[in-house]
């Protein structure tokens, strides 16, 4: 399952009107550096829903060690529109967590399940093999925990990769780095997460 979606930033260039008159783009986190990350929420889209609220994200980032360092050059965390087979994405300075399917249960490819089995086990998600896929029977609290502890941390791993490369322009170490980052920090944060949000069940 794809986890990262490289989306164009949508930066708008000025249009020439009446000779030298120019229209400048409205400043947003897509085209203007922010002093601190903005948490934004978009419509979930047909067939999807947001399980997370802005306040969940804000409470969660307080649990992340060295957050002030990680937040450098991070302009926004977006509760983004849902897309089929897409959990989250990262593009320069902006993280997206995709809205969840209206049906809570998900069918993951077997290889994806195996790579993330430790996370599913820790969250207590009941998972049943179904051919080449595994049916993961999420509850709402398990799905919220999965989005924060796995998806958000994975995408922040890409950001951490980018801001720690010499050019600071690309995520040079790719998916393995982001996955390792998420798994490492999920273990570090787990006890604090349960204290702040309650056990996922």
N, C-alpha and C. Protein backbone atom coordinates (compact mmCIF):
# COMPACT_ATOMS: atom_id res chain seq x y z
N UNK A 1 0.85 -1.18 0.00
CA UNK A 1 0.00 0.00 0.00
C UNK A 1 0.88 1.23 0.00
N UNK A 2 0.58 2.15 -0.86
CA UNK A 2 1.35 3.38 -0.93
C UNK A 2 1.11 4.19 0.34
N UNK A 3 2.17 4.74 0.89
CA UNK A 3 2.04 5.53 2.10
C UNK A 3 2.36 6.99 1.84
N UNK A 4 3.12 7.25 0.80
CA UNK A 4 3.58 8.61 0.57
C UNK A 4 3.18 9.05 -0.82
N UNK A 5 2.65 10.24 -0.90
CA UNK A 5 2.18 10.75 -2.17
C UNK A 5 2.89 12.07 -2.43
N UNK A 6 3.68 12.13 -3.47
CA UNK A 6 4.41 13.36 -3.76
C UNK A 6 3.51 14.28 -4.56
N UNK A 7 2.97 15.25 -3.90
CA UNK A 7 1.98 16.14 -4.51
C UNK A 7 2.63 17.48 -4.82
N UNK A 8 2.28 18.04 -5.97
CA UNK A 8 2.80 19.36 -6.30
C UNK A 8 2.29 20.36 -5.27
N UNK A 9 3.12 21.32 -4.96
CA UNK A 9 2.78 22.27 -3.90
C UNK A 9 1.68 23.23 -4.33
N UNK A 10 1.43 23.35 -5.61
CA UNK A 10 0.37 24.25 -6.05
C UNK A 10 0.73 25.72 -5.90
N UNK A 11 2.02 26.02 -5.90
CA UNK A 11 2.41 27.41 -5.79
C UNK A 11 1.91 28.18 -7.00
N UNK A 12 1.41 29.37 -6.75
CA UNK A 12 0.82 30.17 -7.82
C UNK A 12 1.79 31.25 -8.22
N UNK A 13 2.04 31.37 -9.50
CA UNK A 13 2.88 32.46 -9.96
C UNK A 13 1.99 33.65 -10.30
N UNK A 14 2.55 34.84 -10.19
CA UNK A 14 1.75 36.04 -10.46
C UNK A 14 1.33 36.13 -11.91
N UNK A 15 0.14 36.67 -12.15
CA UNK A 15 -0.36 36.85 -13.51
C UNK A 15 -0.18 38.31 -13.91
N UNK A 16 0.20 38.55 -15.13
CA UNK A 16 0.34 39.92 -15.58
C UNK A 16 -1.01 40.45 -16.02
N UNK A 17 -1.40 41.58 -15.46
CA UNK A 17 -2.64 42.24 -15.84
C UNK A 17 -2.33 43.69 -16.15
N UNK A 18 -2.85 44.18 -17.27
CA UNK A 18 -2.64 45.57 -17.66
C UNK A 18 -1.17 45.95 -17.59
N UNK A 19 -0.38 45.24 -18.29
CA UNK A 19 1.04 45.56 -18.35
C UNK A 19 1.78 45.09 -17.11
N UNK A 20 2.23 46.05 -16.28
CA UNK A 20 3.11 45.69 -15.16
C UNK A 20 2.35 45.28 -13.90
N UNK A 21 1.02 45.48 -13.85
CA UNK A 21 0.26 45.12 -12.66
C UNK A 21 0.29 43.60 -12.46
N UNK A 22 0.58 43.14 -11.23
CA UNK A 22 0.68 41.71 -10.96
C UNK A 22 -0.24 41.33 -9.81
N UNK A 23 -0.76 40.10 -9.89
CA UNK A 23 -1.57 39.57 -8.81
C UNK A 23 -0.71 38.58 -8.04
N UNK A 24 -0.50 38.85 -6.77
CA UNK A 24 0.32 37.97 -5.95
C UNK A 24 -0.57 36.91 -5.29
N UNK A 25 -0.02 35.72 -5.09
CA UNK A 25 -0.82 34.67 -4.46
C UNK A 25 -1.10 35.01 -2.99
N UNK A 26 -2.25 34.58 -2.51
CA UNK A 26 -2.56 34.74 -1.10
C UNK A 26 -1.60 33.88 -0.30
N UNK A 27 -0.97 34.44 0.73
CA UNK A 27 -0.02 33.62 1.51
C UNK A 27 -0.73 32.45 2.21
N UNK A 28 -0.21 31.27 2.00
CA UNK A 28 -0.71 30.08 2.67
C UNK A 28 0.50 29.23 3.06
N UNK A 29 0.28 28.14 3.75
CA UNK A 29 1.40 27.26 4.09
C UNK A 29 1.98 26.57 2.88
N UNK A 30 1.32 26.66 1.72
CA UNK A 30 1.88 26.07 0.49
C UNK A 30 2.95 26.98 -0.12
N UNK A 31 2.84 28.28 0.09
CA UNK A 31 3.76 29.19 -0.59
C UNK A 31 4.49 30.15 0.35
N UNK A 32 4.26 30.02 1.66
CA UNK A 32 4.87 30.92 2.63
C UNK A 32 5.36 30.12 3.83
N UNK A 33 6.61 30.30 4.20
CA UNK A 33 7.16 29.60 5.36
C UNK A 33 6.42 30.06 6.62
N UNK A 34 6.09 29.09 7.48
CA UNK A 34 5.37 29.37 8.72
C UNK A 34 6.35 29.39 9.89
N UNK A 35 6.05 30.21 10.89
CA UNK A 35 6.91 30.25 12.07
C UNK A 35 6.70 29.00 12.93
N UNK A 36 5.52 28.41 12.86
CA UNK A 36 5.24 27.13 13.50
C UNK A 36 4.23 26.39 12.64
N UNK A 37 4.22 25.06 12.71
CA UNK A 37 3.32 24.31 11.81
C UNK A 37 1.84 24.62 12.06
N UNK A 38 1.12 24.77 10.97
CA UNK A 38 -0.33 24.95 11.01
C UNK A 38 -0.96 23.56 10.97
N UNK A 39 -2.00 23.34 11.77
CA UNK A 39 -2.78 22.10 11.65
C UNK A 39 -4.08 22.46 10.96
N UNK A 40 -4.31 21.85 9.81
CA UNK A 40 -5.46 22.20 8.98
C UNK A 40 -6.31 20.95 8.72
N UNK A 41 -7.57 21.18 8.41
CA UNK A 41 -8.48 20.05 8.16
C UNK A 41 -9.25 20.32 6.88
N UNK A 42 -9.22 19.36 5.96
CA UNK A 42 -9.94 19.46 4.69
C UNK A 42 -11.14 18.53 4.71
N UNK A 43 -12.04 18.70 3.75
CA UNK A 43 -13.17 17.78 3.63
C UNK A 43 -12.65 16.37 3.37
N UNK A 44 -13.26 15.36 3.99
CA UNK A 44 -12.72 14.00 3.84
C UNK A 44 -12.95 13.39 2.47
N UNK A 45 -13.97 13.83 1.74
CA UNK A 45 -14.27 13.25 0.44
C UNK A 45 -15.26 12.11 0.54
N UNK A 46 -15.89 11.78 -0.58
CA UNK A 46 -16.91 10.74 -0.61
C UNK A 46 -16.34 9.39 -0.20
N UNK A 47 -17.03 8.71 0.72
CA UNK A 47 -16.61 7.38 1.15
C UNK A 47 -15.59 7.39 2.27
N UNK A 48 -15.20 8.58 2.75
CA UNK A 48 -14.19 8.69 3.80
C UNK A 48 -14.71 9.56 4.94
N UNK A 49 -14.01 9.48 6.08
CA UNK A 49 -14.33 10.34 7.22
C UNK A 49 -13.07 10.60 8.01
N UNK A 50 -13.06 11.72 8.71
CA UNK A 50 -11.93 12.03 9.58
C UNK A 50 -12.19 11.44 10.96
N UNK A 51 -11.28 10.62 11.43
CA UNK A 51 -11.34 10.10 12.79
C UNK A 51 -10.57 11.01 13.74
N UNK A 52 -9.59 11.74 13.19
CA UNK A 52 -8.79 12.65 13.99
C UNK A 52 -9.36 14.06 13.94
N UNK A 53 -9.16 14.78 15.03
CA UNK A 53 -9.48 16.20 15.08
C UNK A 53 -8.17 16.97 15.21
N UNK A 54 -8.23 18.26 14.93
CA UNK A 54 -7.03 19.08 15.05
C UNK A 54 -6.44 18.96 16.45
N UNK A 55 -7.29 18.97 17.46
CA UNK A 55 -6.78 18.93 18.83
C UNK A 55 -6.07 17.61 19.14
N UNK A 56 -6.45 16.51 18.44
CA UNK A 56 -5.74 15.24 18.61
C UNK A 56 -4.30 15.38 18.13
N UNK A 57 -4.15 16.02 16.97
CA UNK A 57 -2.80 16.20 16.41
C UNK A 57 -1.96 17.09 17.32
N UNK A 58 -2.56 18.19 17.80
CA UNK A 58 -1.83 19.11 18.67
C UNK A 58 -1.41 18.43 19.97
N UNK A 59 -2.30 17.62 20.54
CA UNK A 59 -1.96 16.91 21.77
C UNK A 59 -0.87 15.87 21.50
N UNK A 60 -0.94 15.21 20.34
CA UNK A 60 0.03 14.17 20.02
C UNK A 60 1.44 14.74 19.84
N UNK A 61 1.56 15.85 19.13
CA UNK A 61 2.91 16.37 18.86
C UNK A 61 3.60 16.82 20.15
N UNK A 62 2.83 17.09 21.19
CA UNK A 62 3.45 17.41 22.49
C UNK A 62 4.18 16.20 23.07
N UNK A 63 3.84 15.01 22.59
CA UNK A 63 4.47 13.78 23.10
C UNK A 63 5.77 13.44 22.37
N UNK A 64 6.03 14.09 21.24
CA UNK A 64 7.18 13.73 20.40
C UNK A 64 8.45 14.35 20.96
N UNK A 65 9.44 13.53 21.31
CA UNK A 65 10.71 14.08 21.80
C UNK A 65 11.36 14.99 20.74
N UNK A 66 12.00 16.05 21.21
CA UNK A 66 12.71 16.98 20.32
C UNK A 66 11.79 17.59 19.26
N UNK A 67 10.54 17.84 19.64
CA UNK A 67 9.58 18.38 18.66
C UNK A 67 10.05 19.70 18.07
N UNK A 68 10.62 20.58 18.89
CA UNK A 68 11.04 21.89 18.38
C UNK A 68 12.05 21.75 17.25
N UNK A 69 12.92 20.76 17.36
CA UNK A 69 13.90 20.51 16.31
C UNK A 69 13.23 19.94 15.06
N UNK A 70 12.32 18.98 15.26
CA UNK A 70 11.63 18.36 14.13
C UNK A 70 10.73 19.35 13.41
N UNK A 71 10.17 20.31 14.14
CA UNK A 71 9.22 21.26 13.56
C UNK A 71 9.87 22.30 12.65
N UNK A 72 11.19 22.36 12.64
CA UNK A 72 11.87 23.32 11.76
C UNK A 72 11.52 23.01 10.30
N UNK A 73 11.15 24.03 9.57
CA UNK A 73 10.79 23.92 8.15
C UNK A 73 9.54 23.08 7.92
N UNK A 74 8.81 22.75 8.97
CA UNK A 74 7.52 22.05 8.82
C UNK A 74 6.43 23.11 8.85
N UNK A 75 5.75 23.28 7.72
CA UNK A 75 4.77 24.35 7.60
C UNK A 75 3.36 23.93 7.97
N UNK A 76 3.01 22.67 7.77
CA UNK A 76 1.63 22.26 8.05
C UNK A 76 1.50 20.76 8.21
N UNK A 77 0.53 20.38 9.02
CA UNK A 77 0.04 19.01 9.11
C UNK A 77 -1.43 19.08 8.74
N UNK A 78 -1.78 18.38 7.68
CA UNK A 78 -3.14 18.47 7.14
C UNK A 78 -3.89 17.17 7.38
N UNK A 79 -5.11 17.27 7.90
CA UNK A 79 -6.06 16.16 7.88
C UNK A 79 -6.67 16.23 6.49
N UNK A 80 -6.14 15.42 5.61
CA UNK A 80 -6.37 15.57 4.17
C UNK A 80 -7.52 14.70 3.66
N UNK A 81 -7.87 14.95 2.42
CA UNK A 81 -8.91 14.16 1.75
C UNK A 81 -8.47 12.70 1.64
N UNK A 82 -9.43 11.78 1.79
CA UNK A 82 -9.13 10.37 1.65
C UNK A 82 -8.88 9.98 0.21
N UNK A 83 -8.01 9.03 0.01
CA UNK A 83 -7.74 8.49 -1.32
C UNK A 83 -7.57 6.98 -1.20
N UNK A 84 -8.04 6.27 -2.20
CA UNK A 84 -7.96 4.81 -2.19
C UNK A 84 -6.51 4.35 -2.07
N UNK A 85 -6.26 3.42 -1.14
CA UNK A 85 -4.93 2.83 -0.94
C UNK A 85 -3.85 3.87 -0.63
N UNK A 86 -4.23 4.95 0.02
CA UNK A 86 -3.27 5.98 0.40
C UNK A 86 -3.55 6.38 1.84
N UNK A 87 -2.54 6.28 2.69
CA UNK A 87 -2.72 6.58 4.11
C UNK A 87 -2.19 7.95 4.49
N UNK A 88 -1.14 8.39 3.83
CA UNK A 88 -0.55 9.68 4.13
C UNK A 88 0.45 10.07 3.07
N UNK A 89 0.89 11.31 3.12
CA UNK A 89 1.86 11.79 2.14
C UNK A 89 2.70 12.91 2.74
N UNK A 90 3.80 13.18 2.09
CA UNK A 90 4.67 14.28 2.49
C UNK A 90 5.19 14.97 1.24
N UNK A 91 5.11 16.28 1.24
CA UNK A 91 5.77 17.08 0.23
C UNK A 91 6.44 18.21 0.98
N UNK A 92 7.39 18.87 0.40
CA UNK A 92 8.29 19.77 1.10
C UNK A 92 7.60 20.63 2.17
N UNK A 93 7.81 20.26 3.42
CA UNK A 93 7.31 21.04 4.54
C UNK A 93 5.85 20.82 4.90
N UNK A 94 5.16 19.93 4.20
CA UNK A 94 3.74 19.69 4.49
C UNK A 94 3.48 18.19 4.58
N UNK A 95 2.85 17.78 5.69
CA UNK A 95 2.47 16.39 5.93
C UNK A 95 0.96 16.26 5.78
N UNK A 96 0.52 15.20 5.12
CA UNK A 96 -0.91 14.92 5.00
C UNK A 96 -1.25 13.57 5.63
N UNK A 97 -2.30 13.54 6.44
CA UNK A 97 -2.85 12.29 6.97
C UNK A 97 -4.21 12.12 6.30
N UNK A 98 -4.35 11.11 5.48
CA UNK A 98 -5.58 10.94 4.70
C UNK A 98 -6.75 10.50 5.57
N UNK A 99 -7.94 10.98 5.21
CA UNK A 99 -9.16 10.57 5.90
C UNK A 99 -9.32 9.05 5.78
N UNK A 100 -9.97 8.47 6.78
CA UNK A 100 -10.16 7.01 6.87
C UNK A 100 -11.38 6.59 6.08
N UNK A 101 -11.37 5.34 5.62
CA UNK A 101 -12.55 4.79 4.94
C UNK A 101 -13.75 4.83 5.89
N UNK A 102 -14.94 5.05 5.34
CA UNK A 102 -16.14 5.06 6.20
C UNK A 102 -16.31 3.73 6.92
N UNK A 103 -15.95 2.63 6.24
CA UNK A 103 -15.93 1.33 6.91
C UNK A 103 -14.61 1.25 7.65
N UNK A 104 -14.64 0.93 8.92
CA UNK A 104 -13.43 0.93 9.73
C UNK A 104 -12.43 -0.15 9.32
N UNK A 105 -12.92 -1.32 8.97
CA UNK A 105 -12.03 -2.43 8.66
C UNK A 105 -11.32 -2.20 7.34
N UNK A 106 -10.07 -2.65 7.30
CA UNK A 106 -9.26 -2.48 6.09
C UNK A 106 -8.62 -3.79 5.68
N UNK A 107 -8.46 -3.98 4.38
CA UNK A 107 -7.73 -5.13 3.85
C UNK A 107 -6.37 -4.64 3.37
N UNK A 108 -5.34 -5.10 4.05
CA UNK A 108 -3.97 -4.71 3.69
C UNK A 108 -3.29 -5.85 2.94
N UNK A 109 -2.43 -5.52 1.98
CA UNK A 109 -1.62 -6.56 1.36
C UNK A 109 -0.81 -7.30 2.43
N UNK A 110 -0.60 -8.59 2.22
CA UNK A 110 0.06 -9.40 3.24
C UNK A 110 1.45 -8.85 3.58
N UNK A 111 2.21 -8.41 2.57
CA UNK A 111 3.56 -7.91 2.84
C UNK A 111 3.50 -6.66 3.71
N UNK A 112 2.50 -5.82 3.51
CA UNK A 112 2.35 -4.61 4.32
C UNK A 112 2.01 -4.99 5.76
N UNK A 113 1.13 -5.96 5.91
CA UNK A 113 0.77 -6.43 7.25
C UNK A 113 2.00 -6.97 7.97
N UNK A 114 2.80 -7.78 7.27
CA UNK A 114 3.98 -8.37 7.90
C UNK A 114 4.96 -7.29 8.34
N UNK A 115 5.14 -6.25 7.52
CA UNK A 115 6.05 -5.17 7.86
C UNK A 115 5.58 -4.39 9.09
N UNK A 116 4.27 -4.34 9.30
CA UNK A 116 3.71 -3.54 10.39
C UNK A 116 3.03 -4.37 11.47
N UNK A 117 3.33 -5.67 11.48
CA UNK A 117 2.67 -6.58 12.43
C UNK A 117 2.86 -6.13 13.88
N UNK A 118 4.05 -5.66 14.21
CA UNK A 118 4.31 -5.21 15.57
C UNK A 118 3.39 -4.09 16.00
N UNK A 119 3.09 -3.18 15.07
CA UNK A 119 2.19 -2.07 15.37
C UNK A 119 0.76 -2.59 15.57
N UNK A 120 0.30 -3.45 14.65
CA UNK A 120 -1.05 -4.00 14.78
C UNK A 120 -1.20 -4.76 16.09
N UNK A 121 -0.18 -5.53 16.46
CA UNK A 121 -0.22 -6.29 17.71
C UNK A 121 -0.29 -5.35 18.92
N UNK A 122 0.54 -4.33 18.92
CA UNK A 122 0.57 -3.39 20.05
C UNK A 122 -0.78 -2.70 20.22
N UNK A 123 -1.42 -2.37 19.09
CA UNK A 123 -2.72 -1.69 19.15
C UNK A 123 -3.87 -2.65 19.44
N UNK A 124 -3.60 -3.95 19.36
CA UNK A 124 -4.64 -4.93 19.63
C UNK A 124 -5.62 -5.13 18.49
N UNK A 125 -5.20 -4.80 17.26
CA UNK A 125 -6.08 -4.96 16.10
C UNK A 125 -6.19 -6.44 15.75
N UNK A 126 -7.42 -6.93 15.64
CA UNK A 126 -7.65 -8.31 15.22
C UNK A 126 -7.43 -8.38 13.71
N UNK A 127 -6.53 -9.26 13.29
CA UNK A 127 -6.18 -9.37 11.87
C UNK A 127 -6.35 -10.81 11.40
N UNK A 128 -7.04 -10.98 10.27
CA UNK A 128 -7.33 -12.31 9.74
C UNK A 128 -6.84 -12.43 8.30
N UNK A 129 -5.99 -13.43 8.00
CA UNK A 129 -5.54 -13.63 6.62
C UNK A 129 -6.72 -13.94 5.70
N UNK A 130 -6.74 -13.30 4.56
CA UNK A 130 -7.76 -13.55 3.54
C UNK A 130 -7.06 -13.60 2.18
N UNK A 131 -6.49 -14.76 1.85
CA UNK A 131 -5.76 -14.89 0.59
C UNK A 131 -4.50 -14.07 0.60
N UNK A 132 -4.35 -13.21 -0.40
CA UNK A 132 -3.16 -12.36 -0.51
C UNK A 132 -3.25 -11.12 0.36
N UNK A 133 -4.38 -10.96 1.04
CA UNK A 133 -4.57 -9.79 1.90
C UNK A 133 -4.88 -10.22 3.32
N UNK A 134 -4.80 -9.27 4.22
CA UNK A 134 -5.12 -9.51 5.63
C UNK A 134 -6.20 -8.51 6.03
N UNK A 135 -7.30 -9.01 6.56
CA UNK A 135 -8.39 -8.15 7.02
C UNK A 135 -8.06 -7.67 8.43
N UNK A 136 -7.93 -6.37 8.58
CA UNK A 136 -7.59 -5.76 9.87
C UNK A 136 -8.85 -5.09 10.42
N UNK A 137 -9.35 -5.62 11.53
CA UNK A 137 -10.63 -5.19 12.09
C UNK A 137 -10.42 -4.07 13.11
N UNK A 138 -10.15 -2.89 12.62
CA UNK A 138 -9.91 -1.74 13.49
C UNK A 138 -11.17 -1.31 14.24
N UNK A 139 -10.99 -0.86 15.48
CA UNK A 139 -12.00 -0.07 16.17
C UNK A 139 -11.65 1.40 15.91
N UNK A 140 -12.54 2.31 16.27
CA UNK A 140 -12.24 3.73 16.05
C UNK A 140 -11.00 4.18 16.82
N UNK A 141 -10.89 3.76 18.08
CA UNK A 141 -9.73 4.21 18.87
C UNK A 141 -8.44 3.58 18.34
N UNK A 142 -8.50 2.36 17.84
CA UNK A 142 -7.31 1.73 17.25
C UNK A 142 -6.90 2.44 15.95
N UNK A 143 -7.90 2.82 15.16
CA UNK A 143 -7.61 3.51 13.90
C UNK A 143 -7.00 4.88 14.16
N UNK A 144 -7.50 5.61 15.16
CA UNK A 144 -6.93 6.91 15.51
C UNK A 144 -5.48 6.74 15.97
N UNK A 145 -5.26 5.74 16.83
CA UNK A 145 -3.90 5.48 17.31
C UNK A 145 -2.98 5.12 16.15
N UNK A 146 -3.46 4.32 15.21
CA UNK A 146 -2.68 3.92 14.04
C UNK A 146 -2.32 5.14 13.19
N UNK A 147 -3.27 6.05 13.02
CA UNK A 147 -2.98 7.24 12.22
C UNK A 147 -1.92 8.13 12.87
N UNK A 148 -1.95 8.23 14.19
CA UNK A 148 -0.98 9.08 14.87
C UNK A 148 0.36 8.39 15.06
N UNK A 149 0.33 7.17 15.57
CA UNK A 149 1.56 6.47 15.94
C UNK A 149 2.28 5.82 14.77
N UNK A 150 1.57 5.63 13.67
CA UNK A 150 2.20 4.98 12.52
C UNK A 150 2.25 5.92 11.31
N UNK A 151 1.10 6.38 10.88
CA UNK A 151 1.07 7.19 9.65
C UNK A 151 1.73 8.55 9.85
N UNK A 152 1.30 9.29 10.88
CA UNK A 152 1.88 10.62 11.10
C UNK A 152 3.38 10.51 11.37
N UNK A 153 3.79 9.57 12.22
CA UNK A 153 5.21 9.43 12.51
C UNK A 153 6.00 9.03 11.26
N UNK A 154 5.40 8.21 10.40
CA UNK A 154 6.07 7.83 9.15
C UNK A 154 6.32 9.06 8.28
N UNK A 155 5.29 9.89 8.11
CA UNK A 155 5.44 11.07 7.25
C UNK A 155 6.39 12.08 7.89
N UNK A 156 6.36 12.21 9.22
CA UNK A 156 7.33 13.07 9.89
C UNK A 156 8.74 12.52 9.72
N UNK A 157 8.86 11.20 9.57
CA UNK A 157 10.16 10.60 9.27
C UNK A 157 10.72 11.10 7.96
N UNK A 158 9.85 11.26 6.96
CA UNK A 158 10.31 11.83 5.68
C UNK A 158 10.79 13.27 5.88
N UNK A 159 10.05 14.02 6.69
CA UNK A 159 10.46 15.40 6.95
C UNK A 159 11.81 15.43 7.67
N UNK A 160 11.97 14.58 8.66
CA UNK A 160 13.24 14.50 9.39
C UNK A 160 14.38 14.14 8.45
N UNK A 161 14.12 13.24 7.52
CA UNK A 161 15.11 12.86 6.51
C UNK A 161 15.50 14.09 5.68
N UNK A 162 14.50 14.84 5.21
CA UNK A 162 14.79 16.00 4.34
C UNK A 162 15.59 17.07 5.07
N UNK A 163 15.20 17.41 6.30
CA UNK A 163 15.88 18.51 6.98
C UNK A 163 17.26 18.12 7.49
N UNK A 164 17.58 16.83 7.41
CA UNK A 164 18.91 16.38 7.84
C UNK A 164 19.79 15.94 6.68
N UNK A 165 19.40 16.27 5.46
CA UNK A 165 20.28 16.06 4.31
C UNK A 165 20.99 17.38 4.03
N UNK A 166 22.11 17.32 3.35
CA UNK A 166 22.90 18.52 3.10
C UNK A 166 22.12 19.58 2.33
N UNK A 167 21.40 19.17 1.30
CA UNK A 167 20.68 20.14 0.47
C UNK A 167 19.38 20.61 1.12
N UNK A 168 18.80 19.79 2.02
CA UNK A 168 17.51 20.05 2.64
C UNK A 168 16.39 20.19 1.61
N UNK A 169 16.59 19.59 0.44
CA UNK A 169 15.61 19.71 -0.63
C UNK A 169 14.85 18.42 -0.89
N UNK A 170 15.39 17.27 -0.50
CA UNK A 170 14.72 16.01 -0.80
C UNK A 170 14.94 14.99 0.31
N UNK A 171 14.08 13.98 0.30
CA UNK A 171 14.18 12.90 1.29
C UNK A 171 15.05 11.81 0.68
N UNK A 172 16.34 11.92 0.90
CA UNK A 172 17.28 11.07 0.16
C UNK A 172 17.27 9.62 0.59
N UNK A 173 16.82 9.32 1.83
CA UNK A 173 16.90 7.94 2.31
C UNK A 173 15.60 7.16 2.16
N UNK A 174 14.55 7.82 1.69
CA UNK A 174 13.33 7.15 1.24
C UNK A 174 12.50 6.44 2.30
N UNK A 175 11.72 5.45 1.81
CA UNK A 175 10.75 4.73 2.63
C UNK A 175 11.38 3.97 3.82
N UNK A 176 12.49 3.27 3.64
CA UNK A 176 13.05 2.54 4.79
C UNK A 176 13.37 3.46 5.96
N UNK A 177 13.89 4.65 5.68
CA UNK A 177 14.21 5.60 6.74
C UNK A 177 12.94 6.04 7.47
N UNK A 178 11.91 6.40 6.72
CA UNK A 178 10.66 6.86 7.33
C UNK A 178 10.01 5.74 8.15
N UNK A 179 10.08 4.52 7.65
CA UNK A 179 9.48 3.39 8.36
C UNK A 179 10.22 3.11 9.66
N UNK A 180 11.54 3.13 9.61
CA UNK A 180 12.34 2.91 10.82
C UNK A 180 12.10 4.03 11.83
N UNK A 181 11.98 5.25 11.34
CA UNK A 181 11.72 6.40 12.21
C UNK A 181 10.40 6.22 12.94
N UNK A 182 9.35 5.82 12.21
CA UNK A 182 8.03 5.62 12.82
C UNK A 182 8.07 4.51 13.87
N UNK A 183 8.71 3.40 13.54
CA UNK A 183 8.76 2.28 14.47
C UNK A 183 9.54 2.64 15.74
N UNK A 184 10.63 3.37 15.59
CA UNK A 184 11.44 3.76 16.75
C UNK A 184 10.66 4.70 17.66
N UNK A 185 10.04 5.72 17.09
CA UNK A 185 9.35 6.70 17.91
C UNK A 185 8.03 6.20 18.46
N UNK A 186 7.40 5.28 17.74
CA UNK A 186 6.16 4.69 18.27
C UNK A 186 6.44 3.99 19.59
N UNK A 187 7.55 3.28 19.68
CA UNK A 187 7.92 2.60 20.92
C UNK A 187 8.24 3.59 22.04
N UNK A 188 8.92 4.67 21.68
CA UNK A 188 9.29 5.68 22.67
C UNK A 188 8.05 6.38 23.23
N UNK A 189 7.09 6.68 22.36
CA UNK A 189 5.93 7.48 22.72
C UNK A 189 4.81 6.66 23.35
N UNK A 190 4.80 5.35 23.13
CA UNK A 190 3.65 4.51 23.46
C UNK A 190 3.05 4.76 24.85
N UNK A 191 3.85 4.69 25.89
CA UNK A 191 3.32 4.85 27.25
C UNK A 191 2.70 6.23 27.45
N UNK A 192 3.34 7.26 26.91
CA UNK A 192 2.80 8.62 27.02
C UNK A 192 1.49 8.75 26.23
N UNK A 193 1.45 8.04 25.08
CA UNK A 193 0.21 8.06 24.28
C UNK A 193 -0.95 7.48 25.09
N UNK A 194 -0.74 6.35 25.72
CA UNK A 194 -1.81 5.71 26.50
C UNK A 194 -2.26 6.60 27.64
N UNK A 195 -1.32 7.29 28.28
CA UNK A 195 -1.68 8.22 29.35
C UNK A 195 -2.52 9.39 28.83
N UNK A 196 -2.16 9.89 27.64
CA UNK A 196 -2.83 11.08 27.10
C UNK A 196 -4.17 10.74 26.42
N UNK A 197 -4.22 9.62 25.71
CA UNK A 197 -5.39 9.29 24.89
C UNK A 197 -6.19 8.10 25.42
N UNK A 198 -5.61 7.35 26.34
CA UNK A 198 -6.23 6.12 26.80
C UNK A 198 -5.82 4.96 25.92
N UNK A 199 -5.93 3.73 26.43
CA UNK A 199 -5.53 2.57 25.62
C UNK A 199 -6.48 2.38 24.44
N UNK A 200 -5.93 2.12 23.24
CA UNK A 200 -6.80 1.86 22.09
C UNK A 200 -7.47 0.50 22.23
N UNK A 201 -8.80 0.46 22.19
CA UNK A 201 -9.49 -0.82 22.32
C UNK A 201 -10.77 -0.83 21.49
